[in-house]
Amino acid sequence: MNTPDDLRYASSHEWVRFEDGIATIGISDHAQEELTDVVFVELPEVGRQVDAGDPTAVVESVKAASDIYSPIAGEVVEVNETVEADPALVNTDPYGSGWIFKIQVKDESQLEKLMDAAAYSAMIG
């Protein structure tokens, strides 16, 4: 199971890469493995304000549809249209080209509430 050390994780299996006030968000390798083959991604609207824990996107697999929650509050500033066109990227490259949306973070201290890789690995272990 791939759990990069440079990311933060939510208990709902989203990951966050934080750079220059922007949080890139996707689902973990563990989550995509549980979902199996992702066949559809519903992206949020750019400009949408979200709070931590808000259902923000939807990922559908051959097994189920799952809400993707925003791990932190902010404004959606970018969505990954490539993953909308090729949903399998969520499975094949969950931490790279399979990201789902980006948020302009309101309060960086929220990142401290998320798990590091060791804590996330222990939770899913």
C-alpha atoms as a PDB file:
ATOM      1  CA  MET A   1       0.000   0.000   0.000  1.00  0.00           C
ATOM      2  CA  ASN A   2       1.440   3.335  -1.086  1.00  0.00           C
ATOM      3  CA  THR A   3       1.113   6.109   1.548  1.00  0.00           C
ATOM      4  CA  PRO A   4       3.482   8.993   0.690  1.00  0.00           C
ATOM      5  CA  ASP A   5       5.076  10.706   3.691  1.00  0.00           C
ATOM      6  CA  ASP A   6       4.746  14.219   2.244  1.00  0.00           C
ATOM      7  CA  LEU A   7       0.923  14.182   2.325  1.00  0.00           C
ATOM      8  CA  ARG A   8      -1.717  14.593   5.040  1.00  0.00           C
ATOM      9  CA  TYR A   9      -4.707  12.242   5.257  1.00  0.00           C
ATOM     10  CA  ALA A  10      -8.340  12.429   6.385  1.00  0.00           C
ATOM     11  CA  SER A  11     -10.077   9.534   8.117  1.00  0.00           C
ATOM     12  CA  SER A  12     -12.463   9.494   5.129  1.00  0.00           C
ATOM     13  CA  HIS A  13      -9.448   8.501   2.933  1.00  0.00           C
ATOM     14  CA  GLU A  14      -8.733  11.774   1.114  1.00  0.00           C
ATOM     15  CA  TRP A  15      -5.136  12.982   0.850  1.00  0.00           C
ATOM     16  CA  VAL A  16      -3.909  16.591   0.834  1.00  0.00           C
ATOM     17  CA  ARG A  17      -0.764  18.007  -0.756  1.00  0.00           C
ATOM     18  CA  PHE A  18      -0.302  21.596   0.476  1.00  0.00           C
ATOM     19  CA  GLU A  19       1.785  24.079  -1.517  1.00  0.00           C
ATOM     20  CA  ASP A  20       1.679  27.896  -1.528  1.00  0.00           C
ATOM     21  CA  GLY A  21      -1.762  28.181   0.074  1.00  0.00           C
ATOM     22  CA  ILE A  22      -3.319  25.615  -2.275  1.00  0.00           C
ATOM     23  CA  ALA A  23      -4.396  22.124  -1.206  1.00  0.00           C
ATOM     24  CA  THR A  24      -4.521  19.465  -3.902  1.00  0.00           C
ATOM     25  CA  ILE A  25      -6.956  16.709  -2.914  1.00  0.00           C
ATOM     26  CA  GLY A  26      -7.487  13.154  -4.101  1.00  0.00           C
ATOM     27  CA  ILE A  27      -8.286   9.747  -2.647  1.00  0.00           C
ATOM     28  CA  SER A  28      -5.708   7.437  -1.142  1.00  0.00           C
ATOM     29  CA  ASP A  29      -4.278   4.320  -2.711  1.00  0.00           C
ATOM     30  CA  HIS A  30      -6.174   2.345  -0.055  1.00  0.00           C
ATOM     31  CA  ALA A  31      -9.478   4.025  -1.016  1.00  0.00           C
ATOM     32  CA  GLN A  32      -9.073   3.444  -4.750  1.00  0.00           C
ATOM     33  CA  GLU A  33      -8.173  -0.180  -4.067  1.00  0.00           C
ATOM     34  CA  GLU A  34     -11.334  -0.632  -1.984  1.00  0.00           C
ATOM     35  CA  LEU A  35     -13.469   0.985  -4.702  1.00  0.00           C
ATOM     36  CA  THR A  36     -11.859  -1.095  -7.472  1.00  0.00           C
ATOM     37  CA  ASP A  37     -12.317   0.213 -11.032  1.00  0.00           C
ATOM     38  CA  VAL A  38     -13.323   3.890 -11.024  1.00  0.00           C
ATOM     39  CA  VAL A  39     -15.630   4.586 -13.976  1.00  0.00           C
ATOM     40  CA  PHE A  40     -16.895   8.121 -13.285  1.00  0.00           C
ATOM     41  CA  VAL A  41     -15.782  11.228 -11.385  1.00  0.00           C
ATOM     42  CA  GLU A  42     -18.156  14.106 -10.658  1.00  0.00           C
ATOM     43  CA  LEU A  43     -16.110  17.234 -10.031  1.00  0.00           C
ATOM     44  CA  PRO A  44     -17.146  20.237  -7.914  1.00  0.00           C
ATOM     45  CA  GLU A  45     -17.717  23.665  -9.429  1.00  0.00           C
ATOM     46  CA  VAL A  46     -14.797  26.080  -9.412  1.00  0.00           C
ATOM     47  CA  GLY A  47     -15.616  28.927  -7.030  1.00  0.00           C
ATOM     48  CA  ARG A  48     -17.590  26.744  -4.632  1.00  0.00           C
ATOM     49  CA  GLN A  49     -16.956  27.433  -0.941  1.00  0.00           C
ATOM     50  CA  VAL A  50     -16.566  24.272   1.140  1.00  0.00           C
ATOM     51  CA  ASP A  51     -16.114  23.503   4.810  1.00  0.00           C
ATOM     52  CA  ALA A  52     -14.052  20.648   6.173  1.00  0.00           C
ATOM     53  CA  GLY A  53     -16.143  17.488   5.909  1.00  0.00           C
ATOM     54  CA  ASP A  54     -18.412  18.751   3.124  1.00  0.00           C
ATOM     55  CA  PRO A  55     -19.149  16.235   0.358  1.00  0.00           C
ATOM     56  CA  THR A  56     -17.417  17.958  -2.560  1.00  0.00           C
ATOM     57  CA  ALA A  57     -17.030  15.424  -5.389  1.00  0.00           C
ATOM     58  CA  VAL A  58     -18.259  11.929  -6.243  1.00  0.00           C
ATOM     59  CA  VAL A  59     -16.313   8.919  -7.444  1.00  0.00           C
ATOM     60  CA  GLU A  60     -18.216   5.984  -8.925  1.00  0.00           C
ATOM     61  CA  SER A  61     -16.708   2.558  -9.385  1.00  0.00           C
ATOM     62  CA  VAL A  62     -18.063  -0.700 -10.665  1.00  0.00           C
ATOM     63  CA  LYS A  63     -18.904  -1.483  -7.008  1.00  0.00           C
ATOM     64  CA  ALA A  64     -20.293   1.764  -5.558  1.00  0.00           C
ATOM     65  CA  ALA A  65     -20.568   5.541  -5.635  1.00  0.00           C
ATOM     66  CA  SER A  66     -18.669   7.374  -2.918  1.00  0.00           C
ATOM     67  CA  ASP A  67     -18.657  10.995  -1.813  1.00  0.00           C
ATOM     68  CA  ILE A  68     -15.276  12.681  -1.700  1.00  0.00           C
ATOM     69  CA  TYR A  69     -15.163  15.042   1.274  1.00  0.00           C
ATOM     70  CA  SER A  70     -13.140  18.200   1.510  1.00  0.00           C
ATOM     71  CA  PRO A  71     -10.602  17.656   4.291  1.00  0.00           C
ATOM     72  CA  ILE A  72     -10.287  21.420   4.847  1.00  0.00           C
ATOM     73  CA  ALA A  73     -12.287  24.612   4.333  1.00  0.00           C
ATOM     74  CA  GLY A  74     -11.713  26.923   1.417  1.00  0.00           C
ATOM     75  CA  GLU A  75     -12.670  27.744  -2.152  1.00  0.00           C
ATOM     76  CA  VAL A  76     -12.427  25.276  -5.017  1.00  0.00           C
ATOM     77  CA  VAL A  77      -9.983  26.936  -7.416  1.00  0.00           C
ATOM     78  CA  GLU A  78      -9.279  24.114  -9.862  1.00  0.00           C
ATOM     79  CA  VAL A  79     -10.681  20.730 -10.861  1.00  0.00           C
ATOM     80  CA  ASN A  80      -8.953  17.910 -12.719  1.00  0.00           C
ATOM     81  CA  GLU A  81     -10.835  17.666 -15.995  1.00  0.00           C
ATOM     82  CA  THR A  82      -8.367  15.003 -17.154  1.00  0.00           C
ATOM     83  CA  VAL A  83      -9.665  12.641 -14.462  1.00  0.00           C
ATOM     84  CA  GLU A  84     -13.231  13.386 -15.531  1.00  0.00           C
ATOM     85  CA  ALA A  85     -12.314  12.259 -19.054  1.00  0.00           C
ATOM     86  CA  ASP A  86     -10.186   9.321 -17.833  1.00  0.00           C
ATOM     87  CA  PRO A  87     -11.513   8.195 -14.405  1.00  0.00           C
ATOM     88  CA  ALA A  88      -9.101   5.233 -14.326  1.00  0.00           C
ATOM     89  CA  LEU A  89      -6.332   7.696 -13.373  1.00  0.00           C
ATOM     90  CA  VAL A  90      -7.783   7.615  -9.842  1.00  0.00           C
ATOM     91  CA  ASN A  91      -6.785   3.922  -9.786  1.00  0.00           C
ATOM     92  CA  THR A  92      -3.520   4.026 -11.706  1.00  0.00           C
ATOM     93  CA  ASP A  93      -2.000   7.241 -10.273  1.00  0.00           C
ATOM     94  CA  PRO A  94      -3.988   8.300  -7.171  1.00  0.00           C
ATOM     95  CA  TYR A  95      -1.259  10.652  -5.861  1.00  0.00           C
ATOM     96  CA  GLY A  96      -0.273  12.101  -9.236  1.00  0.00           C
ATOM     97  CA  SER A  97      -2.461  12.639 -12.286  1.00  0.00           C
ATOM     98  CA  GLY A  98      -5.444  11.130 -10.422  1.00  0.00           C
ATOM     99  CA  TRP A  99      -5.956  14.161  -8.136  1.00  0.00           C
ATOM    100  CA  ILE A 100      -9.542  15.462  -8.044  1.00  0.00           C
ATOM    101  CA  PHE A 101      -9.718  19.135  -6.977  1.00  0.00           C
ATOM    102  CA  LYS A 102      -7.706  22.015  -5.522  1.00  0.00           C
ATOM    103  CA  ILE A 103      -8.740  24.397  -2.766  1.00  0.00           C
ATOM    104  CA  GLN A 104      -7.489  27.823  -1.753  1.00  0.00           C
ATOM    105  CA  VAL A 105      -7.092  27.146   1.964  1.00  0.00           C
ATOM    106  CA  LYS A 106      -8.766  29.539   4.428  1.00  0.00           C
ATOM    107  CA  ASP A 107      -6.948  28.416   7.575  1.00  0.00           C
ATOM    108  CA  GLU A 108      -3.677  26.498   7.281  1.00  0.00           C
ATOM    109  CA  SER A 109      -3.936  25.317  10.897  1.00  0.00           C
ATOM    110  CA  GLN A 110      -6.658  22.880   9.712  1.00  0.00           C
ATOM    111  CA  LEU A 111      -3.887  20.821   8.124  1.00  0.00           C
ATOM    112  CA  GLU A 112      -2.640  19.949  11.613  1.00  0.00           C
ATOM    113  CA  LYS A 113      -5.939  18.117  12.270  1.00  0.00           C
ATOM    114  CA  LEU A 114      -5.208  15.688   9.438  1.00  0.00           C
ATOM    115  CA  MET A 115      -3.170  12.515   9.882  1.00  0.00           C
ATOM    116  CA  ASP A 116       0.395  12.052   8.793  1.00  0.00           C
ATOM    117  CA  ALA A 117       1.320   8.977   6.741  1.00  0.00           C
ATOM    118  CA  ALA A 118       2.205   6.886   9.808  1.00  0.00           C
ATOM    119  CA  ALA A 119      -1.121   7.588  11.539  1.00  0.00           C
ATOM    120  CA  TYR A 120      -3.089   6.934   8.347  1.00  0.00           C
ATOM    121  CA  SER A 121      -1.213   3.684   7.725  1.00  0.00           C
ATOM    122  CA  ALA A 122      -1.967   2.587  11.285  1.00  0.00           C
ATOM    123  CA  MET A 123      -5.665   3.413  10.814  1.00  0.00           C
ATOM    124  CA  ILE A 124      -6.026   1.369   7.612  1.00  0.00           C
ATOM    125  CA  GLY A 125      -3.524  -1.300   8.778  1.00  0.00           C
END
